[in-house]
Amino acid sequence: MFEPAKNFVFTATSKYKLDDVALGSLICENVRRLIAQDYPSFSESWTPLKFKAGSLTIRATGSSGAELFMQTQTLLLKIQSLDLPKSVQQIKIVKV
């Protein structure tokens, strides 16, 4: 029987107690792709940083933080429609 490669990655990360780190990076990468696809003008300005306990932290540079704040609910609904192992409950914005 064929096992997907992602199963081996999660097995290896759980062996070394890196489950949260691997899960966070997987969610951040999927959100980064979503931003690049649905918000191409902000793909350089909005950067997912970390995911922990249902909360996704996104860094917004310059004045793009205001636009991210306005789009938070829409972005959250789009993220929840993705096939992710854990659901994102809230978005925290870090302005730089």
PDB file of N, CA and C in Angstrom:
ATOM      1  N   MET A   1       0.846  -1.178   0.000  1.00  0.00           N
ATOM      2  CA  MET A   1       0.000   0.000   0.000  1.00  0.00           C
ATOM      3  C   MET A   1       0.894   1.244   0.000  1.00  0.00           C
ATOM      4  N   PHE A   2       0.503   2.237  -0.740  1.00  0.00           N
ATOM      5  CA  PHE A   2       1.277   3.473  -0.887  1.00  0.00           C
ATOM      6  C   PHE A   2       0.910   4.458   0.210  1.00  0.00           C
ATOM      7  N   GLU A   3       1.909   4.999   0.868  1.00  0.00           N
ATOM      8  CA  GLU A   3       1.713   6.017   1.898  1.00  0.00           C
ATOM      9  C   GLU A   3       2.194   7.361   1.364  1.00  0.00           C
ATOM     10  N   PRO A   4       1.400   8.437   1.500  1.00  0.00           N
ATOM     11  CA  PRO A   4       1.863   9.758   1.071  1.00  0.00           C
ATOM     12  C   PRO A   4       3.084  10.203   1.877  1.00  0.00           C
ATOM     13  N   ALA A   5       3.930  10.988   1.249  1.00  0.00           N
ATOM     14  CA  ALA A   5       5.158  11.465   1.894  1.00  0.00           C
ATOM     15  C   ALA A   5       4.855  12.316   3.121  1.00  0.00           C
ATOM     16  N   LYS A   6       3.734  13.043   3.106  1.00  0.00           N
ATOM     17  CA  LYS A   6       3.421  13.901   4.251  1.00  0.00           C
ATOM     18  C   LYS A   6       3.209  13.084   5.525  1.00  0.00           C
ATOM     19  N   ASN A   7       2.757  11.826   5.389  1.00  0.00           N
ATOM     20  CA  ASN A   7       2.603  10.975   6.572  1.00  0.00           C
ATOM     21  C   ASN A   7       3.955  10.678   7.208  1.00  0.00           C
ATOM     22  N   PHE A   8       4.969  10.461   6.398  1.00  0.00           N
ATOM     23  CA  PHE A   8       6.305  10.198   6.924  1.00  0.00           C
ATOM     24  C   PHE A   8       6.883  11.440   7.600  1.00  0.00           C
ATOM     25  N   VAL A   9       6.611  12.602   7.031  1.00  0.00           N
ATOM     26  CA  VAL A   9       7.113  13.844   7.616  1.00  0.00           C
ATOM     27  C   VAL A   9       6.512  14.041   9.000  1.00  0.00           C
ATOM     28  N   PHE A  10       5.197  13.839   9.130  1.00  0.00           N
ATOM     29  CA  PHE A  10       4.563  14.029  10.431  1.00  0.00           C
ATOM     30  C   PHE A  10       5.000  12.963  11.431  1.00  0.00           C
ATOM     31  N   THR A  11       5.276  11.746  10.972  1.00  0.00           N
ATOM     32  CA  THR A  11       5.784  10.706  11.862  1.00  0.00           C
ATOM     33  C   THR A  11       7.161  11.089  12.385  1.00  0.00           C
ATOM     34  N   ALA A  12       8.004  11.577  11.498  1.00  0.00           N
ATOM     35  CA  ALA A  12       9.360  11.979  11.904  1.00  0.00           C
ATOM     36  C   ALA A  12       9.327  13.172  12.850  1.00  0.00           C
ATOM     37  N   THR A  13       8.474  14.148  12.567  1.00  0.00           N
ATOM     38  CA  THR A  13       8.414  15.328  13.432  1.00  0.00           C
ATOM     39  C   THR A  13       7.855  14.988  14.804  1.00  0.00           C
ATOM     40  N   SER A  14       6.906  14.066  14.863  1.00  0.00           N
ATOM     41  CA  SER A  14       6.363  13.704  16.171  1.00  0.00           C
ATOM     42  C   SER A  14       7.386  12.920  16.986  1.00  0.00           C
ATOM     43  N   LYS A  15       8.240  12.149  16.317  1.00  0.00           N
ATOM     44  CA  LYS A  15       9.279  11.407  17.023  1.00  0.00           C
ATOM     45  C   LYS A  15      10.234  12.350  17.745  1.00  0.00           C
ATOM     46  N   TYR A  16      10.538  13.473  17.123  1.00  0.00           N
ATOM     47  CA  TYR A  16      11.474  14.438  17.698  1.00  0.00           C
ATOM     48  C   TYR A  16      10.775  15.620  18.356  1.00  0.00           C
ATOM     49  N   LYS A  17       9.481  15.477  18.636  1.00  0.00           N
ATOM     50  CA  LYS A  17       8.691  16.504  19.338  1.00  0.00           C
ATOM     51  C   LYS A  17       8.652  17.835  18.589  1.00  0.00           C
ATOM     52  N   LEU A  18       8.562  17.756  17.284  1.00  0.00           N
ATOM     53  CA  LEU A  18       8.488  18.959  16.457  1.00  0.00           C
ATOM     54  C   LEU A  18       7.123  19.117  15.798  1.00  0.00           C
ATOM     55  N   ASP A  19       6.097  18.498  16.365  1.00  0.00           N
ATOM     56  CA  ASP A  19       4.758  18.534  15.774  1.00  0.00           C
ATOM     57  C   ASP A  19       4.253  19.955  15.578  1.00  0.00           C
ATOM     58  N   ASP A  20       4.352  20.776  16.619  1.00  0.00           N
ATOM     59  CA  ASP A  20       3.824  22.143  16.545  1.00  0.00           C
ATOM     60  C   ASP A  20       4.566  22.985  15.520  1.00  0.00           C
ATOM     61  N   VAL A  21       5.872  22.788  15.423  1.00  0.00           N
ATOM     62  CA  VAL A  21       6.679  23.551  14.469  1.00  0.00           C
ATOM     63  C   VAL A  21       6.311  23.170  13.041  1.00  0.00           C
ATOM     64  N   ALA A  22       6.184  21.870  12.779  1.00  0.00           N
ATOM     65  CA  ALA A  22       5.836  21.403  11.435  1.00  0.00           C
ATOM     66  C   ALA A  22       4.431  21.836  11.054  1.00  0.00           C
ATOM     67  N   LEU A  23       3.503  21.724  11.982  1.00  0.00           N
ATOM     68  CA  LEU A  23       2.134  22.144  11.717  1.00  0.00           C
ATOM     69  C   LEU A  23       2.057  23.636  11.436  1.00  0.00           C
ATOM     70  N   GLY A  24       2.761  24.425  12.231  1.00  0.00           N
ATOM     71  CA  GLY A  24       2.770  25.872  12.031  1.00  0.00           C
ATOM     72  C   GLY A  24       3.354  26.271  10.691  1.00  0.00           C
ATOM     73  N   SER A  25       4.437  25.627  10.298  1.00  0.00           N
ATOM     74  CA  SER A  25       5.047  25.967   9.009  1.00  0.00           C
ATOM     75  C   SER A  25       4.168  25.528   7.849  1.00  0.00           C
ATOM     76  N   LEU A  26       3.468  24.404   7.985  1.00  0.00           N
ATOM     77  CA  LEU A  26       2.550  23.960   6.948  1.00  0.00           C
ATOM     78  C   LEU A  26       1.405  24.947   6.771  1.00  0.00           C
ATOM     79  N   ILE A  27       0.832  25.394   7.860  1.00  0.00           N
ATOM     80  CA  ILE A  27      -0.273  26.351   7.796  1.00  0.00           C
ATOM     81  C   ILE A  27       0.208  27.690   7.259  1.00  0.00           C
ATOM     82  N   CYS A  28       1.366  28.158   7.704  1.00  0.00           N
ATOM     83  CA  CYS A  28       1.901  29.431   7.202  1.00  0.00           C
ATOM     84  C   CYS A  28       2.173  29.371   5.708  1.00  0.00           C
ATOM     85  N   GLU A  29       2.698  28.265   5.230  1.00  0.00           N
ATOM     86  CA  GLU A  29       2.975  28.127   3.795  1.00  0.00           C
ATOM     87  C   GLU A  29       1.680  28.123   2.980  1.00  0.00           C
ATOM     88  N   ASN A  30       0.659  27.430   3.458  1.00  0.00           N
ATOM     89  CA  ASN A  30      -0.625  27.420   2.741  1.00  0.00           C
ATOM     90  C   ASN A  30      -1.273  28.794   2.733  1.00  0.00           C
ATOM     91  N   VAL A  31      -1.162  29.526   3.824  1.00  0.00           N
ATOM     92  CA  VAL A  31      -1.711  30.886   3.887  1.00  0.00           C
ATOM     93  C   VAL A  31      -0.908  31.823   2.983  1.00  0.00           C
ATOM     94  N   ARG A  32       0.403  31.655   2.942  1.00  0.00           N
ATOM     95  CA  ARG A  32       1.237  32.467   2.048  1.00  0.00           C
ATOM     96  C   ARG A  32       0.811  32.270   0.599  1.00  0.00           C
ATOM     97  N   ARG A  33       0.542  31.035   0.215  1.00  0.00           N
ATOM     98  CA  ARG A  33       0.072  30.751  -1.155  1.00  0.00           C
ATOM     99  C   ARG A  33      -1.304  31.354  -1.413  1.00  0.00           C
ATOM    100  N   LEU A  34      -2.180  31.291  -0.414  1.00  0.00           N
ATOM    101  CA  LEU A  34      -3.511  31.889  -0.545  1.00  0.00           C
ATOM    102  C   LEU A  34      -3.406  33.394  -0.736  1.00  0.00           C
ATOM    103  N   ILE A  35      -2.547  34.041   0.036  1.00  0.00           N
ATOM    104  CA  ILE A  35      -2.357  35.493  -0.094  1.00  0.00           C
ATOM    105  C   ILE A  35      -1.807  35.829  -1.476  1.00  0.00           C
ATOM    106  N   ALA A  36      -0.834  35.056  -1.950  1.00  0.00           N
ATOM    107  CA  ALA A  36      -0.256  35.308  -3.272  1.00  0.00           C
ATOM    108  C   ALA A  36      -1.290  35.134  -4.375  1.00  0.00           C
ATOM    109  N   GLN A  37      -2.214  34.211  -4.193  1.00  0.00           N
ATOM    110  CA  GLN A  37      -3.230  33.956  -5.210  1.00  0.00           C
ATOM    111  C   GLN A  37      -4.376  34.970  -5.157  1.00  0.00           C
ATOM    112  N   ASP A  38      -4.899  35.226  -3.960  1.00  0.00           N
ATOM    113  CA  ASP A  38      -6.089  36.070  -3.829  1.00  0.00           C
ATOM    114  C   ASP A  38      -5.789  37.546  -3.588  1.00  0.00           C
ATOM    115  N   TYR A  39      -4.608  37.848  -3.063  1.00  0.00           N
ATOM    116  CA  TYR A  39      -4.215  39.236  -2.782  1.00  0.00           C
ATOM    117  C   TYR A  39      -2.820  39.479  -3.358  1.00  0.00           C
ATOM    118  N   PRO A  40      -2.656  39.402  -4.672  1.00  0.00           N
ATOM    119  CA  PRO A  40      -1.300  39.504  -5.245  1.00  0.00           C
ATOM    120  C   PRO A  40      -0.604  40.835  -4.966  1.00  0.00           C
ATOM    121  N   SER A  41      -1.355  41.908  -4.824  1.00  0.00           N
ATOM    122  CA  SER A  41      -0.714  43.195  -4.561  1.00  0.00           C
ATOM    123  C   SER A  41      -0.142  43.279  -3.138  1.00  0.00           C
ATOM    124  N   PHE A  42      -0.593  42.391  -2.257  1.00  0.00           N
ATOM    125  CA  PHE A  42      -0.105  42.389  -0.880  1.00  0.00           C
ATOM    126  C   PHE A  42       0.782  41.184  -0.573  1.00  0.00           C
ATOM    127  N   SER A  43       1.132  40.402  -1.560  1.00  0.00           N
ATOM    128  CA  SER A  43       1.910  39.185  -1.302  1.00  0.00           C
ATOM    129  C   SER A  43       3.290  39.485  -0.731  1.00  0.00           C
ATOM    130  N   GLU A  44       3.845  40.645  -1.036  1.00  0.00           N
ATOM    131  CA  GLU A  44       5.139  41.033  -0.475  1.00  0.00           C
ATOM    132  C   GLU A  44       4.988  41.706   0.889  1.00  0.00           C
ATOM    133  N   SER A  45       3.819  42.265   1.162  1.00  0.00           N
ATOM    134  CA  SER A  45       3.601  43.036   2.389  1.00  0.00           C
ATOM    135  C   SER A  45       3.062  42.205   3.549  1.00  0.00           C
ATOM    136  N   TRP A  46       2.303  41.150   3.244  1.00  0.00           N
ATOM    137  CA  TRP A  46       1.710  40.315   4.279  1.00  0.00           C
ATOM    138  C   TRP A  46       2.478  39.003   4.355  1.00  0.00           C
ATOM    139  N   THR A  47       3.058  38.713   5.497  1.00  0.00           N
ATOM    140  CA  THR A  47       3.846  37.496   5.664  1.00  0.00           C
ATOM    141  C   THR A  47       3.355  36.720   6.879  1.00  0.00           C
ATOM    142  N   PRO A  48       2.823  35.510   6.675  1.00  0.00           N
ATOM    143  CA  PRO A  48       2.459  34.679   7.826  1.00  0.00           C
ATOM    144  C   PRO A  48       3.713  34.289   8.605  1.00  0.00           C
ATOM    145  N   LEU A  49       3.703  34.533   9.910  1.00  0.00           N
ATOM    146  CA  LEU A  49       4.884  34.286  10.740  1.00  0.00           C
ATOM    147  C   LEU A  49       4.799  32.989  11.524  1.00  0.00           C
ATOM    148  N   LYS A  50       3.685  32.797  12.238  1.00  0.00           N
ATOM    149  CA  LYS A  50       3.571  31.607  13.065  1.00  0.00           C
ATOM    150  C   LYS A  50       2.113  31.261  13.317  1.00  0.00           C
ATOM    151  N   PHE A  51       1.913  29.993  13.662  1.00  0.00           N
ATOM    152  CA  PHE A  51       0.594  29.500  14.034  1.00  0.00           C
ATOM    153  C   PHE A  51       0.735  28.778  15.365  1.00  0.00           C
ATOM    154  N   LYS A  52      -0.083  29.178  16.329  1.00  0.00           N
ATOM    155  CA  LYS A  52      -0.043  28.529  17.628  1.00  0.00           C
ATOM    156  C   LYS A  52      -1.419  28.615  18.273  1.00  0.00           C
ATOM    157  N   ALA A  53      -1.930  27.472  18.694  1.00  0.00           N
ATOM    158  CA  ALA A  53      -3.195  27.383  19.437  1.00  0.00           C
ATOM    159  C   ALA A  53      -4.349  28.086  18.727  1.00  0.00           C
ATOM    160  N   GLY A  54      -4.483  27.872  17.433  1.00  0.00           N
ATOM    161  CA  GLY A  54      -5.597  28.435  16.675  1.00  0.00           C
ATOM    162  C   GLY A  54      -5.418  29.873  16.238  1.00  0.00           C
ATOM    163  N   SER A  55      -4.289  30.463  16.556  1.00  0.00           N
ATOM    164  CA  SER A  55      -4.038  31.864  16.228  1.00  0.00           C
ATOM    165  C   SER A  55      -2.902  31.976  15.210  1.00  0.00           C
ATOM    166  N   LEU A  56      -3.179  32.652  14.110  1.00  0.00           N
ATOM    167  CA  LEU A  56      -2.199  32.870  13.058  1.00  0.00           C
ATOM    168  C   LEU A  56      -1.704  34.309  13.142  1.00  0.00           C
ATOM    169  N   THR A  57      -0.394  34.478  13.208  1.00  0.00           N
ATOM    170  CA  THR A  57       0.208  35.807  13.260  1.00  0.00           C
ATOM    171  C   THR A  57       0.722  36.167  11.875  1.00  0.00           C
ATOM    172  N   ILE A  58       0.314  37.331  11.383  1.00  0.00           N
ATOM    173  CA  ILE A  58       0.724  37.812  10.065  1.00  0.00           C
ATOM    174  C   ILE A  58       1.409  39.164  10.230  1.00  0.00           C
ATOM    175  N   ARG A  59       2.592  39.303   9.629  1.00  0.00           N
ATOM    176  CA  ARG A  59       3.320  40.576   9.651  1.00  0.00           C
ATOM    177  C   ARG A  59       2.878  41.407   8.454  1.00  0.00           C
ATOM    178  N   ALA A  60       2.543  42.662   8.711  1.00  0.00           N
ATOM    179  CA  ALA A  60       2.153  43.595   7.658  1.00  0.00           C
ATOM    180  C   ALA A  60       3.137  44.754   7.661  1.00  0.00           C
ATOM    181  N   THR A  61       3.725  45.031   6.515  1.00  0.00           N
ATOM    182  CA  THR A  61       4.695  46.123   6.428  1.00  0.00           C
ATOM    183  C   THR A  61       4.021  47.391   5.925  1.00  0.00           C
ATOM    184  N   GLY A  62       4.498  48.502   6.426  1.00  0.00           N
ATOM    185  CA  GLY A  62       4.005  49.797   5.965  1.00  0.00           C
ATOM    186  C   GLY A  62       2.532  50.011   6.247  1.00  0.00           C
ATOM    187  N   SER A  63       1.876  50.628   5.299  1.00  0.00           N
ATOM    188  CA  SER A  63       0.460  50.948   5.463  1.00  0.00           C
ATOM    189  C   SER A  63      -0.455  49.779   5.086  1.00  0.00           C
ATOM    190  N   SER A  64       0.119  48.635   4.722  1.00  0.00           N
ATOM    191  CA  SER A  64      -0.705  47.485   4.351  1.00  0.00           C
ATOM    192  C   SER A  64      -1.399  46.874   5.558  1.00  0.00           C
ATOM    193  N   GLY A  65      -0.980  47.249   6.767  1.00  0.00           N
ATOM    194  CA  GLY A  65      -1.608  46.735   7.978  1.00  0.00           C
ATOM    195  C   GLY A  65      -3.066  47.139   8.083  1.00  0.00           C
ATOM    196  N   ALA A  66      -3.389  48.347   7.639  1.00  0.00           N
ATOM    197  CA  ALA A  66      -4.775  48.808   7.669  1.00  0.00           C
ATOM    198  C   ALA A  66      -5.633  47.988   6.719  1.00  0.00           C
ATOM    199  N   GLU A  67      -5.103  47.679   5.550  1.00  0.00           N
ATOM    200  CA  GLU A  67      -5.853  46.866   4.585  1.00  0.00           C
ATOM    201  C   GLU A  67      -6.022  45.441   5.102  1.00  0.00           C
ATOM    202  N   LEU A  68      -4.995  44.909   5.742  1.00  0.00           N
ATOM    203  CA  LEU A  68      -5.096  43.571   6.329  1.00  0.00           C
ATOM    204  C   LEU A  68      -6.160  43.546   7.412  1.00  0.00           C
ATOM    205  N   PHE A  69      -6.200  44.585   8.222  1.00  0.00           N
ATOM    206  CA  PHE A  69      -7.226  44.683   9.260  1.00  0.00           C
ATOM    207  C   PHE A  69      -8.625  44.679   8.645  1.00  0.00           C
ATOM    208  N   MET A  70      -8.786  45.402   7.536  1.00  0.00           N
ATOM    209  CA  MET A  70     -10.096  45.457   6.861  1.00  0.00           C
ATOM    210  C   MET A  70     -10.469  44.117   6.234  1.00  0.00           C
ATOM    211  N   GLN A  71      -9.479  43.347   5.804  1.00  0.00           N
ATOM    212  CA  GLN A  71      -9.723  42.069   5.121  1.00  0.00           C
ATOM    213  C   GLN A  71      -9.638  40.860   6.055  1.00  0.00           C
ATOM    214  N   THR A  72      -9.493  41.084   7.345  1.00  0.00           N
ATOM    215  CA  THR A  72      -9.275  39.977   8.280  1.00  0.00           C
ATOM    216  C   THR A  72     -10.391  38.941   8.233  1.00  0.00           C
ATOM    217  N   GLN A  73     -11.626  39.353   8.281  1.00  0.00           N
ATOM    218  CA  GLN A  73     -12.736  38.398   8.293  1.00  0.00           C
ATOM    219  C   GLN A  73     -12.809  37.619   6.981  1.00  0.00           C
ATOM    220  N   THR A  74     -12.642  38.298   5.860  1.00  0.00           N
ATOM    221  CA  THR A  74     -12.671  37.630   4.564  1.00  0.00           C
ATOM    222  C   THR A  74     -11.522  36.647   4.447  1.00  0.00           C
ATOM    223  N   LEU A  75     -10.346  37.066   4.856  1.00  0.00           N
ATOM    224  CA  LEU A  75      -9.170  36.200   4.810  1.00  0.00           C
ATOM    225  C   LEU A  75      -9.355  35.002   5.733  1.00  0.00           C
ATOM    226  N   LEU A  76      -9.919  35.216   6.896  1.00  0.00           N
ATOM    227  CA  LEU A  76     -10.149  34.132   7.841  1.00  0.00           C
ATOM    228  C   LEU A  76     -11.110  33.094   7.262  1.00  0.00           C
ATOM    229  N   LEU A  77     -12.150  33.543   6.586  1.00  0.00           N
ATOM    230  CA  LEU A  77     -13.087  32.609   5.948  1.00  0.00           C
ATOM    231  C   LEU A  77     -12.408  31.816   4.834  1.00  0.00           C
ATOM    232  N   LYS A  78     -11.548  32.473   4.065  1.00  0.00           N
ATOM    233  CA  LYS A  78     -10.818  31.782   3.004  1.00  0.00           C
ATOM    234  C   LYS A  78      -9.848  30.755   3.577  1.00  0.00           C
ATOM    235  N   ILE A  79      -9.197  31.103   4.669  1.00  0.00           N
ATOM    236  CA  ILE A  79      -8.259  30.180   5.317  1.00  0.00           C
ATOM    237  C   ILE A  79      -9.014  28.970   5.863  1.00  0.00           C
ATOM    238  N   GLN A  80     -10.176  29.205   6.452  1.00  0.00           N
ATOM    239  CA  GLN A  80     -10.957  28.105   7.010  1.00  0.00           C
ATOM    240  C   GLN A  80     -11.493  27.175   5.933  1.00  0.00           C
ATOM    241  N   SER A  81     -11.603  27.665   4.694  1.00  0.00           N
ATOM    242  CA  SER A  81     -12.068  26.805   3.607  1.00  0.00           C
ATOM    243  C   SER A  81     -10.953  25.922   3.051  1.00  0.00           C
ATOM    244  N   LEU A  82      -9.695  26.211   3.430  1.00  0.00           N
ATOM    245  CA  LEU A  82      -8.579  25.367   3.007  1.00  0.00           C
ATOM    246  C   LEU A  82      -8.616  24.044   3.769  1.00  0.00           C
ATOM    247  N   ASP A  83      -8.009  23.022   3.186  1.00  0.00           N
ATOM    248  CA  ASP A  83      -7.936  21.717   3.837  1.00  0.00           C
ATOM    249  C   ASP A  83      -6.687  21.685   4.721  1.00  0.00           C
ATOM    250  N   LEU A  84      -6.818  22.228   5.932  1.00  0.00           N
ATOM    251  CA  LEU A  84      -5.694  22.310   6.868  1.00  0.00           C
ATOM    252  C   LEU A  84      -5.909  21.334   8.021  1.00  0.00           C
ATOM    253  N   PRO A  85      -4.836  20.811   8.600  1.00  0.00           N
ATOM    254  CA  PRO A  85      -4.977  19.868   9.710  1.00  0.00           C
ATOM    255  C   PRO A  85      -5.596  20.486  10.965  1.00  0.00           C
ATOM    256  N   LYS A  86      -5.386  21.765  11.209  1.00  0.00           N
ATOM    257  CA  LYS A  86      -5.984  22.484  12.346  1.00  0.00           C
ATOM    258  C   LYS A  86      -6.642  23.742  11.815  1.00  0.00           C
ATOM    259  N   SER A  87      -7.699  24.172  12.478  1.00  0.00           N
ATOM    260  CA  SER A  87      -8.399  25.366  12.010  1.00  0.00           C
ATOM    261  C   SER A  87      -7.788  26.625  12.615  1.00  0.00           C
ATOM    262  N   VAL A  88      -7.821  27.678  11.826  1.00  0.00           N
ATOM    263  CA  VAL A  88      -7.356  28.991  12.270  1.00  0.00           C
ATOM    264  C   VAL A  88      -8.567  29.721  12.836  1.00  0.00           C
ATOM    265  N   GLN A  89      -8.497  30.072  14.106  1.00  0.00           N
ATOM    266  CA  GLN A  89      -9.609  30.716  14.790  1.00  0.00           C
ATOM    267  C   GLN A  89      -9.533  32.242  14.726  1.00  0.00           C
ATOM    268  N   GLN A  90      -8.306  32.768  14.748  1.00  0.00           N
ATOM    269  CA  GLN A  90      -8.148  34.215  14.731  1.00  0.00           C
ATOM    270  C   GLN A  90      -6.845  34.592  14.041  1.00  0.00           C
ATOM    271  N   ILE A  91      -6.791  35.843  13.599  1.00  0.00           N
ATOM    272  CA  ILE A  91      -5.595  36.384  12.955  1.00  0.00           C
ATOM    273  C   ILE A  91      -5.095  37.535  13.814  1.00  0.00           C
ATOM    274  N   LYS A  92      -3.811  37.468  14.152  1.00  0.00           N
ATOM    275  CA  LYS A  92      -3.152  38.565  14.855  1.00  0.00           C
ATOM    276  C   LYS A  92      -2.279  39.297  13.858  1.00  0.00           C
ATOM    277  N   ILE A  93      -2.275  40.617  13.924  1.00  0.00           N
ATOM    278  CA  ILE A  93      -1.504  41.431  12.982  1.00  0.00           C
ATOM    279  C   ILE A  93      -0.346  42.074  13.727  1.00  0.00           C
ATOM    280  N   VAL A  94       0.847  41.909  13.156  1.00  0.00           N
ATOM    281  CA  VAL A  94       2.040  42.568  13.671  1.00  0.00           C
ATOM    282  C   VAL A  94       2.459  43.578  12.622  1.00  0.00           C
ATOM    283  N   LYS A  95       2.424  44.864  12.977  1.00  0.00           N
ATOM    284  CA  LYS A  95       2.787  45.917  12.039  1.00  0.00           C
ATOM    285  C   LYS A  95       4.256  46.258  12.184  1.00  0.00           C
ATOM    286  N   VAL A  96       4.919  46.388  11.035  1.00  0.00           N
ATOM    287  CA  VAL A  96       6.339  46.746  11.021  1.00  0.00           C
ATOM    288  C   VAL A  96       6.516  48.015  10.233  1.00  0.00           C
TER     289      VAL A  96
END
